[in-house]
Amino acid sequence: MRILLLSIALLVVGVLALPVAASLLDGSETGEDLVLPVQVLLTTAVGAGLGRALLGRDPAARRAMLTGAGIGLLAALVGMAAFFLVLNGFDGA
């Protein structure tokens, strides 16, 4: 049940992190190149924190953080794919 809660929370973070990163970094000369890396790092860091909070604080905390970071990375990829489909449709770019 905790893994499901973690996955749903990270999917929401993964989808919302891309427009937040774009709104903060878009428009500056160096910021446009950093939108996707910031989104991935943000989602992965939140995943590690939520993984530790939800999955364990014992000696298995490292494994819980790695699990959360991995799910966060997958959620970031889902967020990128979702926004690609929203912006370009199923026909492609």
C-alpha atoms as a PDB file:
ATOM      1  CA  MET A   1       0.000   0.000   0.000  1.00  0.00           C
ATOM      2  CA  ARG A   2       2.863   2.372   0.769  1.00  0.00           C
ATOM      3  CA  ILE A   3       4.482   1.724  -2.616  1.00  0.00           C
ATOM      4  CA  LEU A   4       1.182   2.559  -4.340  1.00  0.00           C
ATOM      5  CA  LEU A   5       0.867   5.783  -2.362  1.00  0.00           C
ATOM      6  CA  LEU A   6       4.473   6.659  -3.180  1.00  0.00           C
ATOM      7  CA  SER A   7       3.935   5.937  -6.881  1.00  0.00           C
ATOM      8  CA  ILE A   8       0.794   8.061  -7.111  1.00  0.00           C
ATOM      9  CA  ALA A   9       2.405  10.959  -5.249  1.00  0.00           C
ATOM     10  CA  LEU A  10       5.468  10.838  -7.479  1.00  0.00           C
ATOM     11  CA  LEU A  11       3.371  10.696 -10.638  1.00  0.00           C
ATOM     12  CA  VAL A  12       1.708  13.929  -9.539  1.00  0.00           C
ATOM     13  CA  VAL A  13       5.099  15.463  -8.739  1.00  0.00           C
ATOM     14  CA  GLY A  14       6.551  14.232 -12.031  1.00  0.00           C
ATOM     15  CA  VAL A  15       3.766  15.793 -14.079  1.00  0.00           C
ATOM     16  CA  LEU A  16       3.734  19.070 -12.141  1.00  0.00           C
ATOM     17  CA  ALA A  17       7.511  19.499 -11.923  1.00  0.00           C
ATOM     18  CA  LEU A  18       7.919  20.094 -15.651  1.00  0.00           C
ATOM     19  CA  PRO A  19       5.684  23.189 -15.917  1.00  0.00           C
ATOM     20  CA  VAL A  20       7.080  24.537 -12.649  1.00  0.00           C
ATOM     21  CA  ALA A  21      10.657  24.150 -13.852  1.00  0.00           C
ATOM     22  CA  ALA A  22       9.742  25.631 -17.222  1.00  0.00           C
ATOM     23  CA  SER A  23       8.020  28.635 -15.677  1.00  0.00           C
ATOM     24  CA  LEU A  24      11.008  29.364 -13.458  1.00  0.00           C
ATOM     25  CA  LEU A  25      13.760  28.755 -16.008  1.00  0.00           C
ATOM     26  CA  ASP A  26      12.184  29.613 -19.353  1.00  0.00           C
ATOM     27  CA  GLY A  27      13.192  32.917 -20.858  1.00  0.00           C
ATOM     28  CA  SER A  28      16.719  33.122 -19.538  1.00  0.00           C
ATOM     29  CA  GLU A  29      19.633  32.294 -21.823  1.00  0.00           C
ATOM     30  CA  THR A  30      20.910  29.322 -19.845  1.00  0.00           C
ATOM     31  CA  GLY A  31      17.606  28.345 -18.273  1.00  0.00           C
ATOM     32  CA  GLU A  32      15.983  26.805 -21.329  1.00  0.00           C
ATOM     33  CA  ASP A  33      18.636  24.109 -21.498  1.00  0.00           C
ATOM     34  CA  LEU A  34      18.131  23.246 -17.834  1.00  0.00           C
ATOM     35  CA  VAL A  35      14.356  22.654 -17.761  1.00  0.00           C
ATOM     36  CA  LEU A  36      14.444  18.871 -18.230  1.00  0.00           C
ATOM     37  CA  PRO A  37      17.474  18.213 -15.974  1.00  0.00           C
ATOM     38  CA  VAL A  38      15.914  20.312 -13.193  1.00  0.00           C
ATOM     39  CA  GLN A  39      12.619  18.445 -13.582  1.00  0.00           C
ATOM     40  CA  VAL A  40      14.377  15.077 -13.353  1.00  0.00           C
ATOM     41  CA  LEU A  41      16.508  16.116 -10.370  1.00  0.00           C
ATOM     42  CA  LEU A  42      13.532  17.629  -8.556  1.00  0.00           C
ATOM     43  CA  THR A  43      11.361  14.561  -9.053  1.00  0.00           C
ATOM     44  CA  THR A  44      14.178  12.201  -8.090  1.00  0.00           C
ATOM     45  CA  ALA A  45      15.017  14.186  -4.944  1.00  0.00           C
ATOM     46  CA  VAL A  46      11.372  14.318  -3.886  1.00  0.00           C
ATOM     47  CA  GLY A  47      11.158  10.584  -4.588  1.00  0.00           C
ATOM     48  CA  ALA A  48      14.143   9.874  -2.353  1.00  0.00           C
ATOM     49  CA  GLY A  49      12.656  11.964   0.452  1.00  0.00           C
ATOM     50  CA  LEU A  50       9.199  10.452   0.166  1.00  0.00           C
ATOM     51  CA  GLY A  51      10.687   6.978  -0.147  1.00  0.00           C
ATOM     52  CA  ARG A  52      12.524   7.398   3.108  1.00  0.00           C
ATOM     53  CA  ALA A  53       9.475   8.893   4.828  1.00  0.00           C
ATOM     54  CA  LEU A  54       7.005   6.290   3.595  1.00  0.00           C
ATOM     55  CA  LEU A  55       9.050   3.113   3.234  1.00  0.00           C
ATOM     56  CA  GLY A  56      11.404   3.069   6.157  1.00  0.00           C
ATOM     57  CA  ARG A  57      13.672   4.889   8.552  1.00  0.00           C
ATOM     58  CA  ASP A  58      15.509   1.852   9.856  1.00  0.00           C
ATOM     59  CA  PRO A  59      18.780   0.443   8.501  1.00  0.00           C
ATOM     60  CA  ALA A  60      16.877  -0.102   5.243  1.00  0.00           C
ATOM     61  CA  ALA A  61      16.563   3.662   4.766  1.00  0.00           C
ATOM     62  CA  ARG A  62      19.139   3.650   1.980  1.00  0.00           C
ATOM     63  CA  ARG A  63      17.182   1.069   0.034  1.00  0.00           C
ATOM     64  CA  ALA A  64      13.959   3.013   0.630  1.00  0.00           C
ATOM     65  CA  MET A  65      15.592   6.192  -0.676  1.00  0.00           C
ATOM     66  CA  LEU A  66      16.917   4.401  -3.761  1.00  0.00           C
ATOM     67  CA  THR A  67      13.490   2.900  -4.403  1.00  0.00           C
ATOM     68  CA  GLY A  68      11.872   6.310  -4.104  1.00  0.00           C
ATOM     69  CA  ALA A  69      14.477   7.872  -6.377  1.00  0.00           C
ATOM     70  CA  GLY A  70      13.944   5.145  -8.975  1.00  0.00           C
ATOM     71  CA  ILE A  71      10.189   5.585  -8.914  1.00  0.00           C
ATOM     72  CA  GLY A  72      10.766   9.349  -9.093  1.00  0.00           C
ATOM     73  CA  LEU A  73      12.899   8.900 -12.198  1.00  0.00           C
ATOM     74  CA  LEU A  74      10.164   6.838 -13.825  1.00  0.00           C
ATOM     75  CA  ALA A  75       7.591   9.469 -12.832  1.00  0.00           C
ATOM     76  CA  ALA A  76       9.739  12.183 -14.435  1.00  0.00           C
ATOM     77  CA  LEU A  77       9.806  10.191 -17.673  1.00  0.00           C
ATOM     78  CA  VAL A  78       6.026   9.756 -17.533  1.00  0.00           C
ATOM     79  CA  GLY A  79       5.679  13.508 -16.985  1.00  0.00           C
ATOM     80  CA  MET A  80       7.855  14.249 -20.020  1.00  0.00           C
ATOM     81  CA  ALA A  81       5.875  11.800 -22.168  1.00  0.00           C
ATOM     82  CA  ALA A  82       2.568  13.252 -20.977  1.00  0.00           C
ATOM     83  CA  PHE A  83       3.576  16.786 -21.880  1.00  0.00           C
ATOM     84  CA  PHE A  84       4.946  15.640 -25.232  1.00  0.00           C
ATOM     85  CA  LEU A  85       1.563  14.080 -26.001  1.00  0.00           C
ATOM     86  CA  VAL A  86      -0.330  17.143 -24.760  1.00  0.00           C
ATOM     87  CA  LEU A  87       1.746  19.519 -26.859  1.00  0.00           C
ATOM     88  CA  ASN A  88       2.155  17.399 -30.011  1.00  0.00           C
ATOM     89  CA  GLY A  89      -0.653  14.870 -29.964  1.00  0.00           C
ATOM     90  CA  PHE A  90      -0.343  11.273 -31.090  1.00  0.00           C
ATOM     91  CA  ASP A  91       0.749  12.328 -34.589  1.00  0.00           C
ATOM     92  CA  GLY A  92       4.165  13.436 -33.333  1.00  0.00           C
ATOM     93  CA  ALA A  93       6.170  16.568 -33.710  1.00  0.00           C
END
